[in-house]
């Protein structure tokens, strides 16, 4: 049976949900080895749901460094004779995956919706086409958040990385959090997005952010209000922004242009609020509320507060 390497990510004292989901997918593909890299991450790393966990813990790994991280994973792949490397399609995964594939001279499949022994499914053309691939050669794969349930707790072995951590000419001078709120947009289970129907940036701050906070959600936005300068690009959901697949997506004052639908139509449950009954967003919504968002959102927020 072939070996599969899972690149795990930690957030505080926990393994990220998407990494546990990837571990669950990998469990059916062969002998699974997890690799977790960082500083002071041993306690969290041991929670990764793989039968074997390798922990690379060092001060130089405090922040993501593509040179060091890709080298470490490459060494683990060579040690385990793995033929597949799986990781979450996170901000780190989307950068590390292609770099790793180039270093290993393997194929790469990014942002997959389905994964298994029978192949991988990923969206093309803003989600209008689903392409299925069944590679016979080694491949690096990133998988979207919420594509699969998280894996069960592990009952295997843990060891420290014994390879070489290379020097890097990259230096992280500072870290500035410019995400869409307290929850990372691409990893959120709930996303509350606002669009041009909000009419002003002040209304975004008054209605979208408080509702997102009340739900423990990430705050997103349509391209229209990002281009207008109401919110940073880090909030943008869509073909030219971020692709999200939460359990619940609330589209508030968003008409549903095709590029926006391409970034959120994979959500498990979609609720739209718009006063235009003909808005395209209603074609993909599970529930649609036709009405004035300035009347509906405050009622929803008050119900959540109570």
Protein backbone atom coordinates (compact mmCIF):
# COMPACT_ATOMS: atom_id res chain seq x y z
CA UNK A 1 0.00 0.00 0.00
CA UNK A 2 1.35 3.45 -0.93
CA UNK A 3 2.06 6.19 1.57
CA UNK A 4 0.27 9.51 1.77
CA UNK A 5 1.68 12.60 3.47
CA UNK A 6 -0.77 15.04 5.04
CA UNK A 7 0.45 18.57 5.75
CA UNK A 8 -1.30 19.70 8.93
CA UNK A 9 -1.80 23.28 10.08
CA UNK A 10 -2.39 24.46 13.63
CA UNK A 11 -4.30 27.40 15.03
CA UNK A 12 -3.39 28.07 18.63
CA UNK A 13 -3.71 24.81 20.56
CA UNK A 14 -5.78 23.03 17.92
CA UNK A 15 -5.31 21.53 14.50
CA UNK A 16 -7.28 23.41 11.86
CA UNK A 17 -10.56 21.77 10.89
CA UNK A 18 -9.55 21.61 7.24
CA UNK A 19 -6.42 19.61 8.17
CA UNK A 20 -8.55 17.10 10.06
CA UNK A 21 -10.83 16.84 7.04
CA UNK A 22 -7.85 16.20 4.77
CA UNK A 23 -6.61 13.52 7.20
CA UNK A 24 -9.99 11.78 6.92
CA UNK A 25 -9.75 11.80 3.12
CA UNK A 26 -6.20 10.44 3.18
CA UNK A 27 -7.15 7.56 5.49
CA UNK A 28 -8.68 5.66 2.58
CA UNK A 29 -5.70 6.12 0.27
CA UNK A 30 -2.90 4.27 2.08
CA UNK A 31 -0.56 4.55 5.05
CA UNK A 32 -0.91 8.13 6.24
CA UNK A 33 1.91 10.22 7.70
CA UNK A 34 1.15 13.69 9.03
CA UNK A 35 3.73 16.48 9.10
CA UNK A 36 3.16 19.60 11.19
CA UNK A 37 5.63 22.50 11.17
CA UNK A 38 5.95 25.53 13.41
CA UNK A 39 7.12 26.92 16.74
CA UNK A 40 5.67 25.62 20.02
CA UNK A 41 3.15 23.47 18.16
CA UNK A 42 3.84 20.01 19.61
CA UNK A 43 0.73 19.86 21.80
CA UNK A 44 -1.56 20.90 18.95
CA UNK A 45 0.26 18.80 16.35
CA UNK A 46 -0.39 15.60 18.29
CA UNK A 47 -4.13 16.07 17.67
CA UNK A 48 -3.81 15.56 13.91
CA UNK A 49 -5.90 12.52 12.93
CA UNK A 50 -3.21 10.49 11.19
CA UNK A 51 -1.71 7.14 12.19
CA UNK A 52 1.76 8.65 12.34
CA UNK A 53 2.70 12.26 13.09
CA UNK A 54 6.05 13.92 12.42
CA UNK A 55 6.58 17.21 14.23
CA UNK A 56 9.04 19.78 12.88
CA UNK A 57 9.35 22.30 15.71
CA UNK A 58 11.89 25.09 15.55
CA UNK A 59 12.14 28.82 16.18
CA UNK A 60 12.83 29.40 12.48
CA UNK A 61 9.44 27.85 11.64
CA UNK A 62 7.39 30.34 13.65
CA UNK A 63 6.04 31.90 10.45
CA UNK A 64 5.33 30.20 7.15
CA UNK A 65 8.48 30.12 5.02
CA UNK A 66 8.07 28.44 1.61
CA UNK A 67 11.75 27.53 1.38
CA UNK A 68 11.90 25.78 4.74
CA UNK A 69 8.42 24.27 4.66
CA UNK A 70 8.73 22.80 1.15
CA UNK A 71 12.16 21.35 2.00
CA UNK A 72 10.84 19.66 5.15
CA UNK A 73 7.85 18.13 3.38
CA UNK A 74 10.09 16.98 0.51
CA UNK A 75 12.36 15.18 2.98
CA UNK A 76 9.37 13.49 4.64
CA UNK A 77 8.09 12.38 1.23
CA UNK A 78 11.46 10.85 0.39
CA UNK A 79 11.73 9.12 3.78
CA UNK A 80 8.25 7.58 3.51
CA UNK A 81 8.30 6.85 -0.25
CA UNK A 82 4.98 8.65 -0.48
CA UNK A 83 3.22 9.07 -3.81
CA UNK A 84 0.68 11.68 -2.71
CA UNK A 85 0.78 14.80 -0.58
CA UNK A 86 -2.51 16.26 0.64
CA UNK A 87 -3.17 19.58 2.34
CA UNK A 88 -5.96 22.07 2.89
CA UNK A 89 -6.62 24.71 0.24
CA UNK A 90 -5.78 27.41 2.79
CA UNK A 91 -3.72 30.53 2.24
CA UNK A 92 -0.61 28.51 3.11
CA UNK A 93 -1.70 25.43 1.18
CA UNK A 94 -2.35 27.35 -2.02
CA UNK A 95 1.22 28.66 -1.91
CA UNK A 96 2.98 25.56 -0.60
CA UNK A 97 1.22 23.05 -2.87
CA UNK A 98 2.47 24.31 -6.25
CA UNK A 99 5.96 24.98 -4.85
CA UNK A 100 6.14 21.45 -3.48
CA UNK A 101 4.91 19.93 -6.74
CA UNK A 102 7.61 21.83 -8.63
CA UNK A 103 10.30 20.74 -6.18
CA UNK A 104 9.24 17.09 -6.37
CA UNK A 105 8.55 17.28 -10.12
CA UNK A 106 5.05 15.93 -9.45
CA UNK A 107 1.64 16.87 -10.75
CA UNK A 108 -0.58 19.33 -8.89
CA UNK A 109 -4.35 19.48 -8.39
CA UNK A 110 -5.58 22.51 -6.48
CA UNK A 111 -8.80 23.39 -4.67
CA UNK A 112 -10.39 19.94 -5.02
CA UNK A 113 -14.01 19.35 -4.03
CA UNK A 114 -13.76 15.56 -3.99
CA UNK A 115 -10.85 13.21 -3.40
CA UNK A 116 -10.40 9.45 -3.20
CA UNK A 117 -8.86 6.37 -4.76
CA UNK A 118 -11.07 6.84 -7.82
CA UNK A 119 -9.76 10.32 -8.51
CA UNK A 120 -10.13 13.99 -7.70
CA UNK A 121 -12.78 16.52 -8.71
CA UNK A 122 -12.03 20.22 -8.98
CA UNK A 123 -13.96 23.17 -10.43
CA UNK A 124 -12.98 24.89 -13.67
CA UNK A 125 -14.28 28.04 -15.34
CA UNK A 126 -15.54 29.65 -12.12
CA UNK A 127 -17.30 26.47 -11.07
CA UNK A 128 -19.33 26.03 -14.27
CA UNK A 129 -17.42 22.81 -15.09
CA UNK A 130 -16.30 20.05 -12.71
CA UNK A 131 -13.21 18.25 -13.95
CA UNK A 132 -12.38 14.73 -12.74
CA UNK A 133 -8.76 13.58 -12.71
CA UNK A 134 -7.39 10.15 -11.84
CA UNK A 135 -3.61 10.60 -11.87
CA UNK A 136 -1.43 7.50 -12.06
CA UNK A 137 1.75 9.42 -11.23
CA UNK A 138 2.63 11.09 -7.90
CA UNK A 139 0.61 14.22 -7.17
CA UNK A 140 0.24 17.08 -4.70
CA UNK A 141 -3.38 17.92 -3.90
CA UNK A 142 -5.07 20.73 -1.98
CA UNK A 143 -8.65 20.20 -0.76
CA UNK A 144 -11.28 22.80 0.02
CA UNK A 145 -12.51 23.37 3.53
CA UNK A 146 -15.80 21.62 4.42
CA UNK A 147 -15.48 19.17 1.53
CA UNK A 148 -15.39 16.26 4.01
CA UNK A 149 -16.09 15.53 7.69
CA UNK A 150 -13.13 15.78 10.05
CA UNK A 151 -11.16 12.65 10.90
CA UNK A 152 -11.44 10.81 14.19
CA UNK A 153 -8.81 11.12 16.90
CA UNK A 154 -5.57 9.28 16.15
CA UNK A 155 -4.07 6.31 17.96
CA UNK A 156 -0.66 6.07 16.34
CA UNK A 157 2.92 7.23 16.82
CA UNK A 158 4.61 10.60 17.14
CA UNK A 159 8.19 11.46 16.28
CA UNK A 160 10.30 14.57 15.85
CA UNK A 161 11.54 15.59 12.44
CA UNK A 162 15.17 14.48 12.17
CA UNK A 163 16.03 15.99 8.81
CA UNK A 164 17.65 19.25 7.85
CA UNK A 165 15.93 22.60 8.19
CA UNK A 166 17.61 24.73 5.52
CA UNK A 167 18.61 28.35 5.74
CA UNK A 168 16.30 30.77 3.97
CA UNK A 169 16.90 34.20 2.50
CA UNK A 170 13.30 35.12 3.33
CA UNK A 171 12.64 37.07 6.52
CA UNK A 172 9.26 37.87 8.07
CA UNK A 173 9.58 41.40 9.41
CA UNK A 174 6.07 41.61 10.84
CA UNK A 175 2.65 39.99 10.72
CA UNK A 176 -0.39 42.19 10.16
CA UNK A 177 -3.79 40.57 10.41
CA UNK A 178 -5.91 41.96 7.59
CA UNK A 179 -8.37 39.10 7.38
CA UNK A 180 -12.12 39.46 7.17
CA UNK A 181 -12.64 39.36 10.91
CA UNK A 182 -11.93 37.07 13.83
CA UNK A 183 -12.49 34.05 11.57
CA UNK A 184 -10.43 33.39 8.43
CA UNK A 185 -12.74 33.74 5.43
CA UNK A 186 -11.74 30.58 3.55
CA UNK A 187 -11.88 28.42 6.68
CA UNK A 188 -15.10 29.72 8.21
CA UNK A 189 -18.11 27.49 8.77
CA UNK A 190 -20.38 30.52 8.42
CA UNK A 191 -19.83 33.50 6.12
CA UNK A 192 -21.88 36.71 6.12
CA UNK A 193 -21.31 38.74 2.95
CA UNK A 194 -22.55 42.18 1.97
CA UNK A 195 -22.97 43.81 -1.42
CA UNK A 196 -23.89 47.03 -3.14
CA UNK A 197 -27.40 46.88 -1.69
CA UNK A 198 -25.90 48.14 1.59
CA UNK A 199 -25.54 51.54 -0.11
CA UNK A 200 -22.56 52.77 1.95
CA UNK A 201 -19.45 51.53 3.79
CA UNK A 202 -20.98 52.76 7.05
CA UNK A 203 -23.87 50.37 6.56
CA UNK A 204 -21.43 47.49 6.04
CA UNK A 205 -19.87 48.26 9.42
CA UNK A 206 -23.28 48.71 11.04
CA UNK A 207 -24.98 45.59 9.69
CA UNK A 208 -22.55 42.98 8.29
CA UNK A 209 -19.80 42.94 10.90
CA UNK A 210 -22.12 42.82 13.95
CA UNK A 211 -24.18 40.04 12.38
CA UNK A 212 -21.01 38.09 11.57
CA UNK A 213 -19.77 38.55 15.14
CA UNK A 214 -23.08 37.34 16.54
CA UNK A 215 -22.86 34.18 14.43
CA UNK A 216 -19.15 33.56 15.01
CA UNK A 217 -18.77 34.01 11.26
CA UNK A 218 -16.36 35.59 8.82
CA UNK A 219 -17.38 38.78 7.03
CA UNK A 220 -17.22 38.73 3.24
CA UNK A 221 -18.03 41.10 0.41
CA UNK A 222 -18.88 41.28 -3.26
CA UNK A 223 -16.42 42.66 -5.78
CA UNK A 224 -18.55 45.76 -6.29
CA UNK A 225 -18.01 47.12 -2.79
CA UNK A 226 -14.35 46.04 -2.72
CA UNK A 227 -13.76 47.99 -5.94
CA UNK A 228 -15.61 50.91 -4.39
CA UNK A 229 -13.15 50.89 -1.49
CA UNK A 230 -15.65 50.04 1.22
CA UNK A 231 -13.68 47.02 2.47
CA UNK A 232 -10.22 45.54 1.70
CA UNK A 233 -9.71 42.96 -1.04
CA UNK A 234 -9.11 40.32 1.67
CA UNK A 235 -12.91 40.32 2.17
CA UNK A 236 -13.77 39.63 -1.48
CA UNK A 237 -15.63 36.43 -2.31
CA UNK A 238 -15.63 35.44 -5.96
CA UNK A 239 -13.64 34.40 -8.99
CA UNK A 240 -11.10 37.20 -8.47
CA UNK A 241 -11.31 36.98 -4.69
CA UNK A 242 -11.58 34.04 -2.33
CA UNK A 243 -13.48 30.81 -2.82
CA UNK A 244 -15.49 29.78 0.23
CA UNK A 245 -17.43 26.61 1.01
CA UNK A 246 -19.00 27.20 4.44
CA UNK A 247 -21.87 25.30 5.99
CA UNK A 248 -23.90 28.52 5.83
CA UNK A 249 -23.47 31.48 3.46
CA UNK A 250 -25.57 34.63 3.97
CA UNK A 251 -25.65 36.92 0.93
CA UNK A 252 -27.01 40.30 1.98
CA UNK A 253 -27.67 42.95 -0.66
CA UNK A 254 -25.73 40.94 -3.26
CA UNK A 255 -27.28 40.57 -6.72
CA UNK A 256 -25.26 37.45 -7.60
CA UNK A 257 -22.99 38.24 -10.55
CA UNK A 258 -21.45 35.14 -12.13
CA UNK A 259 -17.99 35.90 -10.73
CA UNK A 260 -19.41 36.07 -7.20
CA UNK A 261 -21.38 32.84 -7.64
CA UNK A 262 -18.15 31.16 -8.73
CA UNK A 263 -16.67 31.84 -5.30
CA UNK A 264 -19.54 30.72 -3.06
CA UNK A 265 -21.94 28.42 -4.93
CA UNK A 266 -20.27 25.40 -3.33
CA UNK A 267 -21.58 26.45 0.10
CA UNK A 268 -23.71 23.78 1.74
CA UNK A 269 -26.57 26.15 2.58
CA UNK A 270 -27.19 29.59 1.06
CA UNK A 271 -29.53 32.28 2.34
CA UNK A 272 -30.06 35.45 0.29
CA UNK A 273 -31.63 38.75 1.31
CA UNK A 274 -32.39 41.14 -1.55
CA UNK A 275 -35.25 43.45 -2.47
CA UNK A 276 -34.94 42.51 -6.16
CA UNK A 277 -36.98 39.36 -6.72
CA UNK A 278 -35.17 38.78 -10.04
CA UNK A 279 -31.66 38.88 -8.56
CA UNK A 280 -29.54 35.94 -9.83
CA UNK A 281 -28.50 35.09 -6.28
CA UNK A 282 -31.94 33.55 -5.70
CA UNK A 283 -31.20 30.89 -8.34
CA UNK A 284 -28.57 29.31 -6.08
CA UNK A 285 -30.11 30.17 -2.70
CA UNK A 286 -31.72 27.50 -0.54
CA UNK A 287 -33.75 30.22 1.16
CA UNK A 288 -34.46 33.65 -0.27
CA UNK A 289 -35.91 36.63 1.54
CA UNK A 290 -37.28 39.32 -0.78
CA UNK A 291 -37.30 42.53 1.19
CA UNK A 292 -35.44 45.52 2.60
CA UNK A 293 -32.23 44.36 4.25
CA UNK A 294 -32.27 47.42 6.51
CA UNK A 295 -35.46 46.05 8.07
CA UNK A 296 -34.58 42.35 8.01
CA UNK A 297 -30.98 42.33 9.28
CA UNK A 298 -31.69 44.26 12.52
CA UNK A 299 -34.52 41.82 13.33
CA UNK A 300 -32.23 38.85 12.68
CA UNK A 301 -29.49 40.41 14.82
CA UNK A 302 -31.90 41.08 17.70
CA UNK A 303 -33.14 37.48 17.60
CA UNK A 304 -29.56 36.23 17.81
CA UNK A 305 -28.78 38.57 20.70
CA UNK A 306 -31.79 37.25 22.59
